[in-house]
Amino acid sequence: MTLGQEYLILVFLVCCSVVQVAAAYGGLKGLLFIGNRRFSAALGIGVILGSLAWFFWDGDRNLPDTGGGIAGASQFGFFVLGGFLALLVTFAVTSFTNFNRKSLDNTVDTTDGLTSLRETTFFQALSNNLGMAWKLYRRLTRKYSSG
């Protein structure tokens, strides 16, 4: 495996874990891989420390880009890609594993924005918020349209 691939894996693992720790701290149950907040935070911190230890265990990581290291632009690209993939995987996995949340019942009033992730998954919150935005758009533009 190349240094760039290892760096991408490091960024992915650390970003996934940071999201887990932040979601546990903020009480966003819809973003947790595991339902227990304390266990999710502890697991997230453990994965952060473990992945950093794995990456830096060899010791030869401070290389210039001319000597086999990662160029600055490539490093930035790997970082952005790793962070984006971490968010995408977190949203997909938690939406699948936490699908049977109580907000599937239409009697629960969901709030908009990030606070809706306290009780719903990402895709449920996205669907609810897009629906509310569409209704607001239709209401605000009704008097200007001919239909």
N, C-alpha and C. Protein backbone atom coordinates (compact mmCIF):
# COMPACT_ATOMS: atom_id res chain seq x y z
N MET A 1 0.84 -1.17 0.00
CA MET A 1 0.00 0.00 0.00
C MET A 1 0.89 1.24 0.00
N THR A 2 0.48 2.24 -0.76
CA THR A 2 1.28 3.46 -0.85
C THR A 2 1.00 4.36 0.36
N LEU A 3 1.85 5.34 0.53
CA LEU A 3 1.68 6.29 1.61
C LEU A 3 0.39 7.08 1.44
N GLY A 4 0.04 7.42 0.22
CA GLY A 4 -1.20 8.15 -0.04
C GLY A 4 -2.43 7.35 0.34
N GLN A 5 -2.43 6.06 0.04
CA GLN A 5 -3.56 5.21 0.41
C GLN A 5 -3.67 5.07 1.93
N GLU A 6 -2.53 4.91 2.57
CA GLU A 6 -2.54 4.83 4.04
C GLU A 6 -3.04 6.12 4.66
N TYR A 7 -2.65 7.27 4.08
CA TYR A 7 -3.10 8.56 4.58
C TYR A 7 -4.61 8.71 4.39
N LEU A 8 -5.12 8.25 3.26
CA LEU A 8 -6.56 8.31 3.01
C LEU A 8 -7.33 7.48 4.03
N ILE A 9 -6.83 6.29 4.33
CA ILE A 9 -7.47 5.44 5.34
C ILE A 9 -7.42 6.11 6.71
N LEU A 10 -6.28 6.71 7.04
CA LEU A 10 -6.16 7.42 8.32
C LEU A 10 -7.19 8.53 8.43
N VAL A 11 -7.29 9.36 7.40
CA VAL A 11 -8.24 10.48 7.44
C VAL A 11 -9.67 9.96 7.53
N PHE A 12 -9.98 8.92 6.78
CA PHE A 12 -11.32 8.35 6.82
C PHE A 12 -11.67 7.86 8.23
N LEU A 13 -10.79 7.09 8.84
CA LEU A 13 -11.06 6.56 10.17
C LEU A 13 -11.17 7.67 11.22
N VAL A 14 -10.27 8.63 11.15
CA VAL A 14 -10.29 9.72 12.13
C VAL A 14 -11.55 10.57 11.96
N CYS A 15 -11.93 10.88 10.72
CA CYS A 15 -13.12 11.70 10.50
C CYS A 15 -14.39 10.96 10.94
N CYS A 16 -14.49 9.67 10.63
CA CYS A 16 -15.64 8.89 11.11
C CYS A 16 -15.70 8.92 12.63
N SER A 17 -14.57 8.78 13.27
CA SER A 17 -14.53 8.75 14.73
C SER A 17 -14.84 10.11 15.33
N VAL A 18 -14.37 11.17 14.71
CA VAL A 18 -14.67 12.52 15.21
C VAL A 18 -16.17 12.79 15.10
N VAL A 19 -16.80 12.34 14.03
CA VAL A 19 -18.25 12.50 13.91
C VAL A 19 -18.95 11.73 15.02
N GLN A 20 -18.47 10.54 15.35
CA GLN A 20 -19.09 9.75 16.41
C GLN A 20 -18.94 10.43 17.77
N VAL A 21 -17.76 10.94 18.05
CA VAL A 21 -17.53 11.63 19.33
C VAL A 21 -18.39 12.89 19.41
N ALA A 22 -18.44 13.66 18.33
CA ALA A 22 -19.24 14.89 18.32
C ALA A 22 -20.72 14.59 18.43
N ALA A 23 -21.18 13.54 17.75
CA ALA A 23 -22.60 13.17 17.84
C ALA A 23 -22.95 12.67 19.23
N ALA A 24 -22.04 11.94 19.85
CA ALA A 24 -22.29 11.48 21.22
C ALA A 24 -22.33 12.66 22.18
N TYR A 25 -21.42 13.59 22.02
CA TYR A 25 -21.38 14.77 22.89
C TYR A 25 -22.63 15.64 22.69
N GLY A 26 -23.06 15.80 21.44
CA GLY A 26 -24.21 16.65 21.15
C GLY A 26 -25.55 15.96 21.28
N GLY A 27 -25.55 14.68 21.56
CA GLY A 27 -26.80 13.96 21.72
C GLY A 27 -27.52 13.68 20.42
N LEU A 28 -26.79 13.66 19.31
CA LEU A 28 -27.39 13.40 18.00
C LEU A 28 -27.46 11.89 17.78
N LYS A 29 -28.50 11.26 18.32
CA LYS A 29 -28.63 9.81 18.26
C LYS A 29 -28.75 9.28 16.84
N GLY A 30 -29.21 10.11 15.93
CA GLY A 30 -29.37 9.69 14.55
C GLY A 30 -28.07 9.50 13.81
N LEU A 31 -26.96 9.97 14.37
CA LEU A 31 -25.65 9.80 13.73
C LEU A 31 -24.76 8.78 14.42
N LEU A 32 -25.25 8.13 15.45
CA LEU A 32 -24.44 7.17 16.19
C LEU A 32 -24.50 5.79 15.56
N PHE A 33 -23.33 5.17 15.40
CA PHE A 33 -23.28 3.79 14.93
C PHE A 33 -23.87 2.85 15.99
N ILE A 34 -23.59 3.16 17.25
CA ILE A 34 -24.05 2.36 18.38
C ILE A 34 -24.92 3.26 19.24
N GLY A 35 -26.02 2.76 19.75
CA GLY A 35 -26.99 3.58 20.46
C GLY A 35 -26.51 4.21 21.75
N ASN A 36 -25.56 3.61 22.43
CA ASN A 36 -25.07 4.12 23.70
C ASN A 36 -24.09 5.28 23.45
N ARG A 37 -24.40 6.44 24.00
CA ARG A 37 -23.58 7.63 23.76
C ARG A 37 -22.17 7.49 24.34
N ARG A 38 -22.07 7.00 25.55
CA ARG A 38 -20.75 6.88 26.19
C ARG A 38 -19.88 5.86 25.46
N PHE A 39 -20.48 4.74 25.08
CA PHE A 39 -19.72 3.72 24.37
C PHE A 39 -19.29 4.23 22.99
N SER A 40 -20.16 4.97 22.32
CA SER A 40 -19.81 5.54 21.02
C SER A 40 -18.66 6.53 21.14
N ALA A 41 -18.69 7.36 22.17
CA ALA A 41 -17.61 8.32 22.37
C ALA A 41 -16.30 7.60 22.70
N ALA A 42 -16.36 6.61 23.56
CA ALA A 42 -15.15 5.86 23.93
C ALA A 42 -14.61 5.10 22.72
N LEU A 43 -15.49 4.49 21.95
CA LEU A 43 -15.05 3.78 20.75
C LEU A 43 -14.44 4.75 19.74
N GLY A 44 -15.05 5.92 19.59
CA GLY A 44 -14.51 6.93 18.67
C GLY A 44 -13.12 7.38 19.07
N ILE A 45 -12.93 7.64 20.35
CA ILE A 45 -11.61 8.06 20.83
C ILE A 45 -10.60 6.93 20.66
N GLY A 46 -11.03 5.70 20.92
CA GLY A 46 -10.14 4.55 20.73
C GLY A 46 -9.73 4.37 19.28
N VAL A 47 -10.67 4.55 18.36
CA VAL A 47 -10.34 4.41 16.94
C VAL A 47 -9.42 5.54 16.49
N ILE A 48 -9.63 6.75 17.00
CA ILE A 48 -8.73 7.85 16.66
C ILE A 48 -7.31 7.53 17.11
N LEU A 49 -7.16 7.14 18.36
CA LEU A 49 -5.82 6.84 18.88
C LEU A 49 -5.21 5.63 18.18
N GLY A 50 -6.03 4.59 17.93
CA GLY A 50 -5.52 3.40 17.25
C GLY A 50 -5.09 3.67 15.82
N SER A 51 -5.87 4.45 15.10
CA SER A 51 -5.49 4.73 13.71
C SER A 51 -4.26 5.63 13.63
N LEU A 52 -4.13 6.57 14.56
CA LEU A 52 -2.91 7.40 14.58
C LEU A 52 -1.69 6.55 14.93
N ALA A 53 -1.85 5.65 15.89
CA ALA A 53 -0.74 4.75 16.24
C ALA A 53 -0.38 3.87 15.06
N TRP A 54 -1.38 3.33 14.36
CA TRP A 54 -1.13 2.49 13.18
C TRP A 54 -0.38 3.27 12.10
N PHE A 55 -0.81 4.50 11.83
CA PHE A 55 -0.21 5.27 10.75
C PHE A 55 1.22 5.67 11.06
N PHE A 56 1.48 6.08 12.29
CA PHE A 56 2.81 6.58 12.64
C PHE A 56 3.71 5.50 13.24
N TRP A 57 3.29 4.25 13.27
CA TRP A 57 4.07 3.19 13.89
C TRP A 57 5.39 2.96 13.17
N ASP A 58 5.40 3.04 11.86
CA ASP A 58 6.63 2.81 11.10
C ASP A 58 7.67 3.89 11.37
N GLY A 59 7.25 5.09 11.57
CA GLY A 59 8.18 6.16 11.92
C GLY A 59 8.66 6.98 10.73
N ASP A 60 8.75 6.42 9.56
CA ASP A 60 9.25 7.15 8.39
C ASP A 60 8.12 7.85 7.66
N ARG A 61 7.48 8.79 8.30
CA ARG A 61 6.34 9.49 7.68
C ARG A 61 6.67 10.93 7.33
N ASN A 62 7.76 11.45 7.81
CA ASN A 62 8.13 12.84 7.54
C ASN A 62 9.04 12.88 6.32
N LEU A 63 8.44 12.67 5.15
CA LEU A 63 9.20 12.61 3.91
C LEU A 63 8.83 13.79 3.03
N PRO A 64 9.81 14.41 2.36
CA PRO A 64 9.45 15.43 1.37
C PRO A 64 8.80 14.77 0.16
N ASP A 65 8.04 15.54 -0.59
CA ASP A 65 7.35 14.96 -1.74
C ASP A 65 8.32 14.48 -2.82
N THR A 66 9.52 15.01 -2.82
CA THR A 66 10.52 14.54 -3.79
C THR A 66 11.17 13.24 -3.35
N GLY A 67 10.99 12.88 -2.08
CA GLY A 67 11.60 11.66 -1.55
C GLY A 67 10.59 10.58 -1.22
N GLY A 68 9.46 10.55 -1.92
CA GLY A 68 8.47 9.52 -1.68
C GLY A 68 7.31 9.95 -0.81
N GLY A 69 7.28 11.20 -0.38
CA GLY A 69 6.19 11.69 0.44
C GLY A 69 5.00 12.11 -0.39
N ILE A 70 4.01 12.68 0.24
CA ILE A 70 2.80 13.13 -0.45
C ILE A 70 2.92 14.63 -0.72
N ALA A 71 2.71 15.02 -1.97
CA ALA A 71 2.75 16.43 -2.32
C ALA A 71 1.59 17.15 -1.65
N GLY A 72 1.74 18.45 -1.44
CA GLY A 72 0.74 19.22 -0.73
C GLY A 72 -0.64 19.17 -1.36
N ALA A 73 -0.72 19.31 -2.67
CA ALA A 73 -2.01 19.28 -3.35
C ALA A 73 -2.64 17.89 -3.24
N SER A 74 -1.83 16.86 -3.37
CA SER A 74 -2.34 15.50 -3.24
C SER A 74 -2.81 15.23 -1.81
N GLN A 75 -2.05 15.73 -0.85
CA GLN A 75 -2.44 15.55 0.55
C GLN A 75 -3.77 16.24 0.83
N PHE A 76 -3.94 17.43 0.29
CA PHE A 76 -5.21 18.14 0.45
C PHE A 76 -6.35 17.35 -0.20
N GLY A 77 -6.10 16.83 -1.39
CA GLY A 77 -7.11 16.03 -2.07
C GLY A 77 -7.48 14.78 -1.29
N PHE A 78 -6.48 14.09 -0.75
CA PHE A 78 -6.75 12.90 0.07
C PHE A 78 -7.54 13.26 1.32
N PHE A 79 -7.22 14.41 1.92
CA PHE A 79 -7.92 14.83 3.12
C PHE A 79 -9.39 15.13 2.83
N VAL A 80 -9.64 15.89 1.77
CA VAL A 80 -11.01 16.22 1.41
C VAL A 80 -11.79 14.96 1.03
N LEU A 81 -11.17 14.07 0.26
CA LEU A 81 -11.83 12.83 -0.13
C LEU A 81 -12.12 11.95 1.08
N GLY A 82 -11.16 11.83 1.99
CA GLY A 82 -11.36 11.03 3.19
C GLY A 82 -12.46 11.59 4.08
N GLY A 83 -12.50 12.91 4.24
CA GLY A 83 -13.54 13.53 5.05
C GLY A 83 -14.92 13.37 4.41
N PHE A 84 -15.00 13.56 3.09
CA PHE A 84 -16.27 13.40 2.39
C PHE A 84 -16.76 11.95 2.47
N LEU A 85 -15.86 11.00 2.25
CA LEU A 85 -16.25 9.59 2.33
C LEU A 85 -16.68 9.21 3.75
N ALA A 86 -16.01 9.78 4.74
CA ALA A 86 -16.38 9.49 6.13
C ALA A 86 -17.79 9.99 6.42
N LEU A 87 -18.12 11.19 5.98
CA LEU A 87 -19.47 11.70 6.18
C LEU A 87 -20.49 10.87 5.41
N LEU A 88 -20.18 10.54 4.17
CA LEU A 88 -21.10 9.76 3.34
C LEU A 88 -21.36 8.39 3.95
N VAL A 89 -20.30 7.71 4.39
CA VAL A 89 -20.45 6.39 5.00
C VAL A 89 -21.20 6.50 6.32
N THR A 90 -20.90 7.52 7.11
CA THR A 90 -21.60 7.70 8.38
C THR A 90 -23.09 7.93 8.15
N PHE A 91 -23.43 8.80 7.21
CA PHE A 91 -24.84 9.06 6.92
C PHE A 91 -25.54 7.80 6.42
N ALA A 92 -24.90 7.06 5.53
CA ALA A 92 -25.53 5.86 4.97
C ALA A 92 -25.67 4.76 6.02
N VAL A 93 -24.61 4.48 6.76
CA VAL A 93 -24.65 3.39 7.74
C VAL A 93 -25.63 3.70 8.87
N THR A 94 -25.59 4.91 9.39
CA THR A 94 -26.48 5.24 10.50
C THR A 94 -27.93 5.34 10.04
N SER A 95 -28.16 5.77 8.82
CA SER A 95 -29.54 5.80 8.31
C SER A 95 -30.07 4.39 8.13
N PHE A 96 -29.21 3.46 7.78
CA PHE A 96 -29.64 2.06 7.61
C PHE A 96 -29.82 1.38 8.97
N THR A 97 -28.85 1.55 9.86
CA THR A 97 -28.91 0.84 11.15
C THR A 97 -29.94 1.44 12.11
N ASN A 98 -30.20 2.73 12.00
CA ASN A 98 -31.16 3.39 12.90
C ASN A 98 -32.48 3.67 12.20
N PHE A 99 -32.81 2.89 11.19
CA PHE A 99 -33.98 3.18 10.36
C PHE A 99 -35.28 3.16 11.15
N ASN A 100 -35.40 2.30 12.12
CA ASN A 100 -36.66 2.17 12.86
C ASN A 100 -36.74 3.12 14.05
N ARG A 101 -36.44 4.37 13.82
CA ARG A 101 -36.58 5.39 14.87
C ARG A 101 -38.04 5.78 14.99
N LYS A 102 -38.41 6.40 16.10
CA LYS A 102 -39.81 6.73 16.34
C LYS A 102 -40.33 7.83 15.43
N SER A 103 -39.47 8.56 14.72
CA SER A 103 -39.94 9.62 13.85
C SER A 103 -40.53 9.09 12.56
N LEU A 104 -40.43 7.80 12.33
CA LEU A 104 -41.13 7.24 11.18
C LEU A 104 -42.63 7.36 11.37
N ASP A 105 -43.05 7.39 12.62
CA ASP A 105 -44.46 7.62 12.92
C ASP A 105 -44.75 9.10 12.66
N ASN A 106 -45.79 9.38 11.93
CA ASN A 106 -46.09 10.76 11.56
C ASN A 106 -46.60 11.61 12.71
N THR A 107 -46.85 11.00 13.87
CA THR A 107 -47.35 11.77 15.00
C THR A 107 -46.25 12.54 15.71
N VAL A 108 -45.00 12.22 15.44
CA VAL A 108 -43.89 12.89 16.11
C VAL A 108 -43.54 14.15 15.33
N ASP A 109 -43.49 15.28 16.01
CA ASP A 109 -43.15 16.54 15.38
C ASP A 109 -41.64 16.67 15.32
N THR A 110 -41.09 16.69 14.12
CA THR A 110 -39.64 16.81 13.97
C THR A 110 -39.29 18.27 13.74
N THR A 111 -38.17 18.68 14.30
CA THR A 111 -37.69 20.03 14.08
C THR A 111 -36.82 20.05 12.85
N ASP A 112 -36.48 21.24 12.41
CA ASP A 112 -35.64 21.33 11.24
C ASP A 112 -34.19 21.57 11.64
N GLY A 113 -33.29 21.35 10.73
CA GLY A 113 -31.88 21.55 10.97
C GLY A 113 -31.21 20.37 11.65
N LEU A 114 -30.04 20.64 12.21
CA LEU A 114 -29.26 19.57 12.85
C LEU A 114 -29.93 19.00 14.09
N THR A 115 -30.77 19.77 14.74
CA THR A 115 -31.42 19.25 15.94
C THR A 115 -32.37 18.10 15.63
N SER A 116 -32.80 17.98 14.39
CA SER A 116 -33.66 16.86 14.03
C SER A 116 -32.91 15.53 14.10
N LEU A 117 -31.57 15.58 14.08
CA LEU A 117 -30.78 14.34 14.17
C LEU A 117 -30.75 13.77 15.58
N ARG A 118 -31.35 14.46 16.52
CA ARG A 118 -31.45 13.89 17.87
C ARG A 118 -32.43 12.73 17.90
N GLU A 119 -33.42 12.76 17.02
CA GLU A 119 -34.45 11.72 17.02
C GLU A 119 -34.61 10.99 15.69
N THR A 120 -34.02 11.49 14.63
CA THR A 120 -34.17 10.85 13.32
C THR A 120 -32.81 10.57 12.71
N THR A 121 -32.80 9.80 11.65
CA THR A 121 -31.57 9.55 10.91
C THR A 121 -31.35 10.67 9.91
N PHE A 122 -30.19 10.67 9.27
CA PHE A 122 -29.87 11.74 8.33
C PHE A 122 -30.83 11.76 7.15
N PHE A 123 -31.10 10.61 6.56
CA PHE A 123 -31.97 10.59 5.39
C PHE A 123 -33.41 10.92 5.75
N GLN A 124 -33.87 10.54 6.94
CA GLN A 124 -35.20 10.94 7.38
C GLN A 124 -35.27 12.45 7.58
N ALA A 125 -34.24 13.02 8.22
CA ALA A 125 -34.21 14.47 8.44
C ALA A 125 -34.12 15.21 7.12
N LEU A 126 -33.33 14.70 6.19
CA LEU A 126 -33.21 15.34 4.88
C LEU A 126 -34.55 15.32 4.15
N SER A 127 -35.22 14.20 4.20
CA SER A 127 -36.53 14.09 3.56
C SER A 127 -37.54 15.04 4.20
N ASN A 128 -37.57 15.09 5.53
CA ASN A 128 -38.50 15.99 6.22
C ASN A 128 -38.19 17.45 5.91
N ASN A 129 -36.91 17.83 5.93
CA ASN A 129 -36.54 19.22 5.71
C ASN A 129 -36.77 19.64 4.27
N LEU A 130 -36.51 18.75 3.31
CA LEU A 130 -36.79 19.08 1.91
C LEU A 130 -38.29 19.22 1.68
N GLY A 131 -39.07 18.38 2.35
CA GLY A 131 -40.52 18.50 2.24
C GLY A 131 -41.03 19.81 2.80
N MET A 132 -40.49 20.23 3.96
CA MET A 132 -40.90 21.50 4.55
C MET A 132 -40.46 22.68 3.67
N ALA A 133 -39.26 22.59 3.09
CA ALA A 133 -38.78 23.66 2.23
C ALA A 133 -39.63 23.77 0.97
N TRP A 134 -40.04 22.64 0.41
CA TRP A 134 -40.87 22.66 -0.79
C TRP A 134 -42.24 23.27 -0.49
N LYS A 135 -42.83 22.91 0.65
CA LYS A 135 -44.13 23.48 1.02
C LYS A 135 -44.02 24.99 1.23
N LEU A 136 -42.94 25.43 1.87
CA LEU A 136 -42.74 26.86 2.08
C LEU A 136 -42.55 27.58 0.75
N TYR A 137 -41.79 27.00 -0.15
CA TYR A 137 -41.57 27.59 -1.47
C TYR A 137 -42.90 27.72 -2.22
N ARG A 138 -43.71 26.65 -2.19
CA ARG A 138 -45.00 26.67 -2.89
C ARG A 138 -45.93 27.74 -2.28
N ARG A 139 -45.90 27.87 -0.97
CA ARG A 139 -46.76 28.86 -0.32
C ARG A 139 -46.31 30.28 -0.64
N LEU A 140 -45.00 30.51 -0.68
CA LEU A 140 -44.49 31.87 -0.91
C LEU A 140 -44.64 32.28 -2.38
N THR A 141 -44.63 31.33 -3.29
CA THR A 141 -44.70 31.68 -4.72
C THR A 141 -46.11 31.53 -5.28
N ARG A 142 -47.06 31.13 -4.49
CA ARG A 142 -48.42 30.89 -4.98
C ARG A 142 -49.05 32.17 -5.55
N LYS A 143 -48.89 33.30 -4.88
CA LYS A 143 -49.55 34.52 -5.36
C LYS A 143 -48.89 35.09 -6.61
N TYR A 144 -47.66 34.63 -6.95
CA TYR A 144 -46.99 35.13 -8.13
C TYR A 144 -47.18 34.22 -9.34
N SER A 145 -47.73 33.04 -9.15
CA SER A 145 -47.89 32.12 -10.28
C SER A 145 -49.33 32.17 -10.78
N SER A 146 -49.49 31.69 -11.98
CA SER A 146 -50.82 31.72 -12.58
C SER A 146 -51.64 30.48 -12.23
N GLY A 147 -51.01 29.49 -11.60
CA GLY A 147 -51.74 28.25 -11.32
C GLY A 147 -52.09 28.03 -9.94
